[in-house]
């Protein structure tokens, strides 16, 4: 098990979002995921992508969250699917 995977995954995801011209912010602050979701909701960020230690498990996943519905779905890595999510769902919901 590679303990640094979440940060590596986060870096790859951030780089790919930048290359896809998807505006994003990495929140690596301390605190519960609920508090992080609340902070992003307050500033009207429409979608959240959460990478955590569950992402270590095979198959690698990330949690995708819609601000308006608060629905969460788990996306299995490939990075391309995760990257396409915000653009594909900007005008629709899960």
PDB file of N, CA and C in Angstrom:
ATOM      1  N   UNK A   1       0.839  -1.167   0.000  1.00  0.00           N
ATOM      2  CA  UNK A   1       0.000   0.000   0.000  1.00  0.00           C
ATOM      3  C   UNK A   1       0.894   1.243   0.000  1.00  0.00           C
ATOM      4  N   UNK A   2       0.588   2.169  -0.846  1.00  0.00           N
ATOM      5  CA  UNK A   2       1.348   3.402  -0.955  1.00  0.00           C
ATOM      6  C   UNK A   2       0.599   4.512  -0.217  1.00  0.00           C
ATOM      7  N   UNK A   3       1.055   4.858   0.975  1.00  0.00           N
ATOM      8  CA  UNK A   3       0.370   5.840   1.810  1.00  0.00           C
ATOM      9  C   UNK A   3       0.274   7.209   1.140  1.00  0.00           C
ATOM     10  N   UNK A   4       1.186   7.535   0.261  1.00  0.00           N
ATOM     11  CA  UNK A   4       1.150   8.842  -0.389  1.00  0.00           C
ATOM     12  C   UNK A   4       0.163   8.891  -1.554  1.00  0.00           C
ATOM     13  N   UNK A   5      -0.543   7.797  -1.814  1.00  0.00           N
ATOM     14  CA  UNK A   5      -1.448   7.771  -2.960  1.00  0.00           C
ATOM     15  C   UNK A   5      -2.470   8.895  -2.967  1.00  0.00           C
ATOM     16  N   UNK A   6      -3.159   9.194  -1.827  1.00  0.00           N
ATOM     17  CA  UNK A   6      -4.150  10.266  -1.922  1.00  0.00           C
ATOM     18  C   UNK A   6      -3.564  11.573  -2.428  1.00  0.00           C
ATOM     19  N   UNK A   7      -2.377  11.957  -1.966  1.00  0.00           N
ATOM     20  CA  UNK A   7      -1.809  13.215  -2.443  1.00  0.00           C
ATOM     21  C   UNK A   7      -1.342  13.101  -3.891  1.00  0.00           C
ATOM     22  N   UNK A   8      -0.841  11.941  -4.280  1.00  0.00           N
ATOM     23  CA  UNK A   8      -0.460  11.744  -5.677  1.00  0.00           C
ATOM     24  C   UNK A   8      -1.699  11.808  -6.565  1.00  0.00           C
ATOM     25  N   UNK A   9      -2.752  11.143  -6.137  1.00  0.00           N
ATOM     26  CA  UNK A   9      -4.019  11.166  -6.868  1.00  0.00           C
ATOM     27  C   UNK A   9      -4.535  12.603  -6.957  1.00  0.00           C
ATOM     28  N   UNK A  10      -4.467  13.331  -5.851  1.00  0.00           N
ATOM     29  CA  UNK A  10      -4.904  14.721  -5.810  1.00  0.00           C
ATOM     30  C   UNK A  10      -4.095  15.569  -6.788  1.00  0.00           C
ATOM     31  N   UNK A  11      -2.782  15.381  -6.812  1.00  0.00           N
ATOM     32  CA  UNK A  11      -1.935  16.151  -7.724  1.00  0.00           C
ATOM     33  C   UNK A  11      -2.253  15.839  -9.180  1.00  0.00           C
ATOM     34  N   UNK A  12      -2.446  14.561  -9.491  1.00  0.00           N
ATOM     35  CA  UNK A  12      -2.786  14.176 -10.858  1.00  0.00           C
ATOM     36  C   UNK A  12      -4.135  14.754 -11.261  1.00  0.00           C
ATOM     37  N   UNK A  13      -5.086  14.688 -10.348  1.00  0.00           N
ATOM     38  CA  UNK A  13      -6.422  15.208 -10.608  1.00  0.00           C
ATOM     39  C   UNK A  13      -6.387  16.720 -10.814  1.00  0.00           C
ATOM     40  N   UNK A  14      -5.657  17.434  -9.961  1.00  0.00           N
ATOM     41  CA  UNK A  14      -5.545  18.883 -10.083  1.00  0.00           C
ATOM     42  C   UNK A  14      -4.892  19.274 -11.410  1.00  0.00           C
ATOM     43  N   UNK A  15      -3.833  18.576 -11.773  1.00  0.00           N
ATOM     44  CA  UNK A  15      -3.158  18.859 -13.035  1.00  0.00           C
ATOM     45  C   UNK A  15      -4.087  18.612 -14.223  1.00  0.00           C
ATOM     46  N   UNK A  16      -4.815  17.500 -14.189  1.00  0.00           N
ATOM     47  CA  UNK A  16      -5.723  17.171 -15.288  1.00  0.00           C
ATOM     48  C   UNK A  16      -6.879  18.169 -15.370  1.00  0.00           C
ATOM     49  N   UNK A  17      -7.412  18.603 -14.218  1.00  0.00           N
ATOM     50  CA  UNK A  17      -8.477  19.611 -14.235  1.00  0.00           C
ATOM     51  C   UNK A  17      -7.965  20.923 -14.823  1.00  0.00           C
ATOM     52  N   UNK A  18      -6.747  21.313 -14.465  1.00  0.00           N
ATOM     53  CA  UNK A  18      -6.148  22.529 -15.014  1.00  0.00           C
ATOM     54  C   UNK A  18      -5.996  22.417 -16.524  1.00  0.00           C
ATOM     55  N   UNK A  19      -5.487  21.276 -16.986  1.00  0.00           N
ATOM     56  CA  UNK A  19      -5.308  21.075 -18.425  1.00  0.00           C
ATOM     57  C   UNK A  19      -6.638  21.066 -19.165  1.00  0.00           C
ATOM     58  N   UNK A  20      -7.708  20.612 -18.496  1.00  0.00           N
ATOM     59  CA  UNK A  20      -9.036  20.586 -19.110  1.00  0.00           C
ATOM     60  C   UNK A  20      -9.764  21.923 -18.944  1.00  0.00           C
ATOM     61  N   UNK A  21      -9.060  22.909 -18.367  1.00  0.00           N
ATOM     62  CA  UNK A  21      -9.589  24.240 -18.131  1.00  0.00           C
ATOM     63  C   UNK A  21     -10.833  24.221 -17.251  1.00  0.00           C
ATOM     64  N   UNK A  22     -10.810  23.343 -16.244  1.00  0.00           N
ATOM     65  CA  UNK A  22     -11.880  23.273 -15.256  1.00  0.00           C
ATOM     66  C   UNK A  22     -11.384  23.999 -14.008  1.00  0.00           C
ATOM     67  N   UNK A  23     -12.064  25.079 -13.651  1.00  0.00           N
ATOM     68  CA  UNK A  23     -11.695  25.830 -12.464  1.00  0.00           C
ATOM     69  C   UNK A  23     -11.866  24.941 -11.240  1.00  0.00           C
ATOM     70  N   UNK A  24     -10.876  24.942 -10.366  1.00  0.00           N
ATOM     71  CA  UNK A  24     -10.943  24.095  -9.187  1.00  0.00           C
ATOM     72  C   UNK A  24     -10.080  24.663  -8.066  1.00  0.00           C
ATOM     73  N   UNK A  25     -10.319  24.137  -6.888  1.00  0.00           N
ATOM     74  CA  UNK A  25      -9.561  24.526  -5.705  1.00  0.00           C
ATOM     75  C   UNK A  25      -9.309  23.262  -4.904  1.00  0.00           C
ATOM     76  N   UNK A  26      -8.087  23.093  -4.433  1.00  0.00           N
ATOM     77  CA  UNK A  26      -7.737  21.954  -3.591  1.00  0.00           C
ATOM     78  C   UNK A  26      -7.839  22.397  -2.138  1.00  0.00           C
ATOM     79  N   UNK A  27      -8.675  21.694  -1.373  1.00  0.00           N
ATOM     80  CA  UNK A  27      -8.818  21.980   0.055  1.00  0.00           C
ATOM     81  C   UNK A  27      -8.172  20.846   0.823  1.00  0.00           C
ATOM     82  N   UNK A  28      -6.951  21.068   1.266  1.00  0.00           N
ATOM     83  CA  UNK A  28      -6.259  20.036   2.041  1.00  0.00           C
ATOM     84  C   UNK A  28      -6.139  20.455   3.508  1.00  0.00           C
ATOM     85  N   UNK A  29      -7.093  21.286   3.923  1.00  0.00           N
ATOM     86  CA  UNK A  29      -7.104  21.729   5.307  1.00  0.00           C
ATOM     87  C   UNK A  29      -7.573  20.603   6.224  1.00  0.00           C
ATOM     88  N   UNK A  30      -7.346  20.801   7.502  1.00  0.00           N
ATOM     89  CA  UNK A  30      -7.818  19.799   8.458  1.00  0.00           C
ATOM     90  C   UNK A  30      -9.310  20.004   8.680  1.00  0.00           C
ATOM     91  N   UNK A  31      -9.922  19.042   9.303  1.00  0.00           N
ATOM     92  CA  UNK A  31     -11.351  19.136   9.580  1.00  0.00           C
ATOM     93  C   UNK A  31     -12.094  18.024   8.893  1.00  0.00           C
ATOM     94  N   UNK A  32     -13.312  17.851   9.312  1.00  0.00           N
ATOM     95  CA  UNK A  32     -14.125  16.769   8.755  1.00  0.00           C
ATOM     96  C   UNK A  32     -14.539  17.088   7.329  1.00  0.00           C
ATOM     97  N   UNK A  33     -14.880  16.053   6.605  1.00  0.00           N
ATOM     98  CA  UNK A  33     -15.332  16.247   5.221  1.00  0.00           C
ATOM     99  C   UNK A  33     -16.626  17.066   5.204  1.00  0.00           C
ATOM    100  N   UNK A  34     -17.460  16.898   6.224  1.00  0.00           N
ATOM    101  CA  UNK A  34     -18.694  17.683   6.311  1.00  0.00           C
ATOM    102  C   UNK A  34     -18.419  19.174   6.386  1.00  0.00           C
ATOM    103  N   UNK A  35     -17.404  19.547   7.164  1.00  0.00           N
ATOM    104  CA  UNK A  35     -17.036  20.968   7.251  1.00  0.00           C
ATOM    105  C   UNK A  35     -16.485  21.472   5.917  1.00  0.00           C
ATOM    106  N   UNK A  36     -15.729  20.639   5.252  1.00  0.00           N
ATOM    107  CA  UNK A  36     -15.190  21.041   3.943  1.00  0.00           C
ATOM    108  C   UNK A  36     -16.320  21.227   2.941  1.00  0.00           C
ATOM    109  N   UNK A  37     -17.272  20.288   2.938  1.00  0.00           N
ATOM    110  CA  UNK A  37     -18.435  20.440   2.045  1.00  0.00           C
ATOM    111  C   UNK A  37     -19.183  21.727   2.382  1.00  0.00           C
ATOM    112  N   UNK A  38     -19.376  22.023   3.668  1.00  0.00           N
ATOM    113  CA  UNK A  38     -20.090  23.240   4.075  1.00  0.00           C
ATOM    114  C   UNK A  38     -19.368  24.490   3.577  1.00  0.00           C
ATOM    115  N   UNK A  39     -18.032  24.504   3.670  1.00  0.00           N
ATOM    116  CA  UNK A  39     -17.274  25.665   3.184  1.00  0.00           C
ATOM    117  C   UNK A  39     -17.456  25.856   1.688  1.00  0.00           C
ATOM    118  N   UNK A  40     -17.417  24.765   0.942  1.00  0.00           N
ATOM    119  CA  UNK A  40     -17.571  24.900  -0.512  1.00  0.00           C
ATOM    120  C   UNK A  40     -19.003  25.277  -0.871  1.00  0.00           C
ATOM    121  N   UNK A  41     -19.982  24.785  -0.115  1.00  0.00           N
ATOM    122  CA  UNK A  41     -21.381  25.164  -0.354  1.00  0.00           C
ATOM    123  C   UNK A  41     -21.570  26.663  -0.149  1.00  0.00           C
ATOM    124  N   UNK A  42     -20.929  27.226   0.877  1.00  0.00           N
ATOM    125  CA  UNK A  42     -21.058  28.648   1.190  1.00  0.00           C
ATOM    126  C   UNK A  42     -20.565  29.543   0.067  1.00  0.00           C
ATOM    127  N   UNK A  43     -19.562  29.093  -0.661  1.00  0.00           N
ATOM    128  CA  UNK A  43     -19.021  29.912  -1.752  1.00  0.00           C
ATOM    129  C   UNK A  43     -19.524  29.443  -3.114  1.00  0.00           C
ATOM    130  N   UNK A  44     -20.567  28.631  -3.103  1.00  0.00           N
ATOM    131  CA  UNK A  44     -21.300  28.228  -4.308  1.00  0.00           C
ATOM    132  C   UNK A  44     -20.477  27.414  -5.304  1.00  0.00           C
ATOM    133  N   UNK A  45     -19.614  26.543  -4.808  1.00  0.00           N
ATOM    134  CA  UNK A  45     -18.895  25.634  -5.692  1.00  0.00           C
ATOM    135  C   UNK A  45     -19.857  24.496  -6.036  1.00  0.00           C
ATOM    136  N   UNK A  46     -20.183  24.308  -7.327  1.00  0.00           N
ATOM    137  CA  UNK A  46     -21.254  23.373  -7.691  1.00  0.00           C
ATOM    138  C   UNK A  46     -20.944  21.892  -7.482  1.00  0.00           C
ATOM    139  N   UNK A  47     -19.685  21.500  -7.625  1.00  0.00           N
ATOM    140  CA  UNK A  47     -19.341  20.088  -7.509  1.00  0.00           C
ATOM    141  C   UNK A  47     -18.098  19.925  -6.653  1.00  0.00           C
ATOM    142  N   UNK A  48     -18.080  18.854  -5.890  1.00  0.00           N
ATOM    143  CA  UNK A  48     -16.903  18.526  -5.105  1.00  0.00           C
ATOM    144  C   UNK A  48     -16.378  17.165  -5.515  1.00  0.00           C
ATOM    145  N   UNK A  49     -15.086  17.043  -5.541  1.00  0.00           N
ATOM    146  CA  UNK A  49     -14.436  15.760  -5.810  1.00  0.00           C
ATOM    147  C   UNK A  49     -13.578  15.459  -4.588  1.00  0.00           C
ATOM    148  N   UNK A  50     -13.896  14.381  -3.909  1.00  0.00           N
ATOM    149  CA  UNK A  50     -13.197  14.044  -2.672  1.00  0.00           C
ATOM    150  C   UNK A  50     -12.283  12.847  -2.889  1.00  0.00           C
ATOM    151  N   UNK A  51     -11.011  13.034  -2.573  1.00  0.00           N
ATOM    152  CA  UNK A  51     -10.020  11.964  -2.600  1.00  0.00           C
ATOM    153  C   UNK A  51      -9.605  11.745  -1.157  1.00  0.00           C
ATOM    154  N   UNK A  52      -9.737  10.515  -0.681  1.00  0.00           N
ATOM    155  CA  UNK A  52      -9.387  10.228   0.701  1.00  0.00           C
ATOM    156  C   UNK A  52      -8.739   8.851   0.791  1.00  0.00           C
ATOM    157  N   UNK A  53      -8.581   8.351   2.001  1.00  0.00           N
ATOM    158  CA  UNK A  53      -7.907   7.068   2.152  1.00  0.00           C
ATOM    159  C   UNK A  53      -8.717   5.901   1.603  1.00  0.00           C
ATOM    160  N   UNK A  54     -10.027   6.070   1.412  1.00  0.00           N
ATOM    161  CA  UNK A  54     -10.794   5.035   0.713  1.00  0.00           C
ATOM    162  C   UNK A  54     -10.333   4.926  -0.741  1.00  0.00           C
ATOM    163  N   UNK A  55      -9.728   5.996  -1.241  1.00  0.00           N
ATOM    164  CA  UNK A  55      -9.200   5.987  -2.611  1.00  0.00           C
ATOM    165  C   UNK A  55      -8.034   5.023  -2.765  1.00  0.00           C
ATOM    166  N   UNK A  56      -7.448   4.613  -1.637  1.00  0.00           N
ATOM    167  CA  UNK A  56      -6.337   3.658  -1.675  1.00  0.00           C
ATOM    168  C   UNK A  56      -6.783   2.272  -2.126  1.00  0.00           C
ATOM    169  N   UNK A  57      -8.027   1.947  -1.831  1.00  0.00           N
ATOM    170  CA  UNK A  57      -8.525   0.601  -2.116  1.00  0.00           C
ATOM    171  C   UNK A  57      -8.708   0.404  -3.604  1.00  0.00           C
ATOM    172  N   UNK A  58      -8.481  -0.823  -4.044  1.00  0.00           N
ATOM    173  CA  UNK A  58      -8.705  -1.164  -5.453  1.00  0.00           C
ATOM    174  C   UNK A  58     -10.160  -1.527  -5.649  1.00  0.00           C
ATOM    175  N   UNK A  59     -10.833  -1.107  -6.663  1.00  0.00           N
ATOM    176  CA  UNK A  59     -10.371  -0.127  -7.646  1.00  0.00           C
ATOM    177  C   UNK A  59     -10.385   1.269  -7.025  1.00  0.00           C
ATOM    178  N   UNK A  60      -9.462   2.111  -7.436  1.00  0.00           N
ATOM    179  CA  UNK A  60      -9.345   3.453  -6.883  1.00  0.00           C
ATOM    180  C   UNK A  60     -10.594   4.262  -7.235  1.00  0.00           C
ATOM    181  N   UNK A  61     -11.100   4.995  -6.242  1.00  0.00           N
ATOM    182  CA  UNK A  61     -12.309   5.778  -6.443  1.00  0.00           C
ATOM    183  C   UNK A  61     -12.134   7.188  -5.908  1.00  0.00           C
ATOM    184  N   UNK A  62     -13.030   8.040  -6.305  1.00  0.00           N
ATOM    185  CA  UNK A  62     -13.168   9.376  -5.736  1.00  0.00           C
ATOM    186  C   UNK A  62     -14.663   9.589  -5.543  1.00  0.00           C
ATOM    187  N   UNK A  63     -15.016  10.404  -4.575  1.00  0.00           N
ATOM    188  CA  UNK A  63     -16.421  10.725  -4.351  1.00  0.00           C
ATOM    189  C   UNK A  63     -16.735  12.023  -5.075  1.00  0.00           C
ATOM    190  N   UNK A  64     -17.789  12.011  -5.869  1.00  0.00           N
ATOM    191  CA  UNK A  64     -18.242  13.194  -6.583  1.00  0.00           C
ATOM    192  C   UNK A  64     -19.523  13.665  -5.906  1.00  0.00           C
ATOM    193  N   UNK A  65     -19.600  14.944  -5.551  1.00  0.00           N
ATOM    194  CA  UNK A  65     -20.756  15.459  -4.812  1.00  0.00           C
ATOM    195  C   UNK A  65     -21.339  16.671  -5.513  1.00  0.00           C
ATOM    196  N   UNK A  66     -22.657  16.673  -5.659  1.00  0.00           N
ATOM    197  CA  UNK A  66     -23.405  17.780  -6.240  1.00  0.00           C
ATOM    198  C   UNK A  66     -23.889  18.690  -5.115  1.00  0.00           C
ATOM    199  N   UNK A  67     -23.541  19.954  -5.167  1.00  0.00           N
ATOM    200  CA  UNK A  67     -23.915  20.899  -4.106  1.00  0.00           C
ATOM    201  C   UNK A  67     -25.420  21.062  -3.969  1.00  0.00           C
ATOM    202  N   UNK A  68     -26.139  21.184  -5.083  1.00  0.00           N
ATOM    203  CA  UNK A  68     -27.567  21.497  -5.019  1.00  0.00           C
ATOM    204  C   UNK A  68     -28.410  20.344  -4.492  1.00  0.00           C
ATOM    205  N   UNK A  69     -28.041  19.128  -4.852  1.00  0.00           N
ATOM    206  CA  UNK A  69     -28.826  17.970  -4.412  1.00  0.00           C
ATOM    207  C   UNK A  69     -28.172  17.252  -3.241  1.00  0.00           C
ATOM    208  N   UNK A  70     -26.918  17.530  -2.985  1.00  0.00           N
ATOM    209  CA  UNK A  70     -26.061  16.859  -1.997  1.00  0.00           C
ATOM    210  C   UNK A  70     -25.907  15.366  -2.280  1.00  0.00           C
ATOM    211  N   UNK A  71     -26.294  14.947  -3.478  1.00  0.00           N
ATOM    212  CA  UNK A  71     -26.081  13.551  -3.856  1.00  0.00           C
ATOM    213  C   UNK A  71     -24.597  13.292  -4.040  1.00  0.00           C
ATOM    214  N   UNK A  72     -24.189  12.096  -3.656  1.00  0.00           N
ATOM    215  CA  UNK A  72     -22.801  11.688  -3.815  1.00  0.00           C
ATOM    216  C   UNK A  72     -22.763  10.401  -4.611  1.00  0.00           C
ATOM    217  N   UNK A  73     -21.819  10.338  -5.544  1.00  0.00           N
ATOM    218  CA  UNK A  73     -21.592   9.107  -6.284  1.00  0.00           C
ATOM    219  C   UNK A  73     -20.109   8.790  -6.207  1.00  0.00           C
ATOM    220  N   UNK A  74     -19.806   7.519  -6.277  1.00  0.00           N
ATOM    221  CA  UNK A  74     -18.409   7.101  -6.259  1.00  0.00           C
ATOM    222  C   UNK A  74     -18.000   6.803  -7.683  1.00  0.00           C
ATOM    223  N   UNK A  75     -16.924   7.415  -8.105  1.00  0.00           N
ATOM    224  CA  UNK A  75     -16.411   7.202  -9.448  1.00  0.00           C
ATOM    225  C   UNK A  75     -15.145   6.366  -9.372  1.00  0.00           C
ATOM    226  N   UNK A  76     -15.151   5.302 -10.122  1.00  0.00           N
ATOM    227  CA  UNK A  76     -13.946   4.475 -10.203  1.00  0.00           C
ATOM    228  C   UNK A  76     -12.966   5.193 -11.106  1.00  0.00           C
ATOM    229  N   UNK A  77     -11.693   5.234 -10.648  1.00  0.00           N
ATOM    230  CA  UNK A  77     -10.626   5.800 -11.464  1.00  0.00           C
ATOM    231  C   UNK A  77     -10.751   5.163 -12.818  1.00  0.00           C
ATOM    232  N   UNK A  78     -10.993   5.708 -13.909  1.00  0.00           N
ATOM    233  CA  UNK A  78      -9.976   6.436 -14.639  1.00  0.00           C
ATOM    234  C   UNK A  78     -10.146   7.947 -14.476  1.00  0.00           C
ATOM    235  N   UNK A  79      -9.042   8.585 -14.478  1.00  0.00           N
ATOM    236  CA  UNK A  79      -8.987  10.022 -14.307  1.00  0.00           C
ATOM    237  C   UNK A  79      -9.864  10.743 -15.327  1.00  0.00           C
ATOM    238  N   UNK A  80      -9.896  10.278 -16.554  1.00  0.00           N
ATOM    239  CA  UNK A  80     -10.668  10.941 -17.608  1.00  0.00           C
ATOM    240  C   UNK A  80     -12.146  11.043 -17.248  1.00  0.00           C
ATOM    241  N   UNK A  81     -12.696  10.019 -16.606  1.00  0.00           N
ATOM    242  CA  UNK A  81     -14.104  10.050 -16.219  1.00  0.00           C
ATOM    243  C   UNK A  81     -14.342  11.115 -15.160  1.00  0.00           C
ATOM    244  N   UNK A  82     -13.459  11.204 -14.205  1.00  0.00           N
ATOM    245  CA  UNK A  82     -13.598  12.185 -13.135  1.00  0.00           C
ATOM    246  C   UNK A  82     -13.460  13.597 -13.687  1.00  0.00           C
ATOM    247  N   UNK A  83     -12.526  13.787 -14.591  1.00  0.00           N
ATOM    248  CA  UNK A  83     -12.287  15.105 -15.183  1.00  0.00           C
ATOM    249  C   UNK A  83     -13.490  15.565 -15.992  1.00  0.00           C
ATOM    250  N   UNK A  84     -14.125  14.655 -16.694  1.00  0.00           N
ATOM    251  CA  UNK A  84     -15.252  15.033 -17.548  1.00  0.00           C
ATOM    252  C   UNK A  84     -16.508  15.337 -16.743  1.00  0.00           C
ATOM    253  N   UNK A  85     -16.562  14.893 -15.502  1.00  0.00           N
ATOM    254  CA  UNK A  85     -17.771  15.041 -14.701  1.00  0.00           C
ATOM    255  C   UNK A  85     -18.259  16.485 -14.562  1.00  0.00           C
ATOM    256  N   UNK A  86     -17.431  17.437 -14.130  1.00  0.00           N
ATOM    257  CA  UNK A  86     -17.951  18.818 -13.962  1.00  0.00           C
ATOM    258  C   UNK A  86     -18.496  19.411 -15.267  1.00  0.00           C
ATOM    259  N   UNK A  87     -17.797  19.241 -16.366  1.00  0.00           N
ATOM    260  CA  UNK A  87     -18.267  19.804 -17.632  1.00  0.00           C
ATOM    261  C   UNK A  87     -19.527  19.107 -18.127  1.00  0.00           C
ATOM    262  N   UNK A  88     -19.611  17.812 -17.948  1.00  0.00           N
ATOM    263  CA  UNK A  88     -20.764  17.053 -18.402  1.00  0.00           C
ATOM    264  C   UNK A  88     -21.998  17.396 -17.587  1.00  0.00           C
ATOM    265  N   UNK A  89     -21.817  17.672 -16.297  1.00  0.00           N
ATOM    266  CA  UNK A  89     -22.948  17.857 -15.401  1.00  0.00           C
ATOM    267  C   UNK A  89     -23.209  19.300 -14.980  1.00  0.00           C
ATOM    268  N   UNK A  90     -22.571  20.248 -15.624  1.00  0.00           N
ATOM    269  CA  UNK A  90     -22.743  21.643 -15.216  1.00  0.00           C
ATOM    270  C   UNK A  90     -24.186  22.118 -15.324  1.00  0.00           C
ATOM    271  N   UNK A  91     -24.903  21.667 -16.304  1.00  0.00           N
ATOM    272  CA  UNK A  91     -26.268  22.131 -16.497  1.00  0.00           C
ATOM    273  C   UNK A  91     -27.300  21.080 -16.147  1.00  0.00           C
ATOM    274  N   UNK A  92     -26.871  20.009 -15.516  1.00  0.00           N
ATOM    275  CA  UNK A  92     -27.809  18.964 -15.129  1.00  0.00           C
ATOM    276  C   UNK A  92     -27.398  18.415 -13.783  1.00  0.00           C
ATOM    277  N   UNK A  93     -28.136  17.463 -13.324  1.00  0.00           N
ATOM    278  CA  UNK A  93     -27.839  16.840 -12.039  1.00  0.00           C
ATOM    279  C   UNK A  93     -27.557  15.385 -12.253  1.00  0.00           C
ATOM    280  N   UNK A  94     -27.132  14.705 -11.193  1.00  0.00           N
ATOM    281  CA  UNK A  94     -26.775  13.296 -11.270  1.00  0.00           C
ATOM    282  C   UNK A  94     -27.839  12.517 -11.963  1.00  0.00           C
TER     283      UNK A  94
END
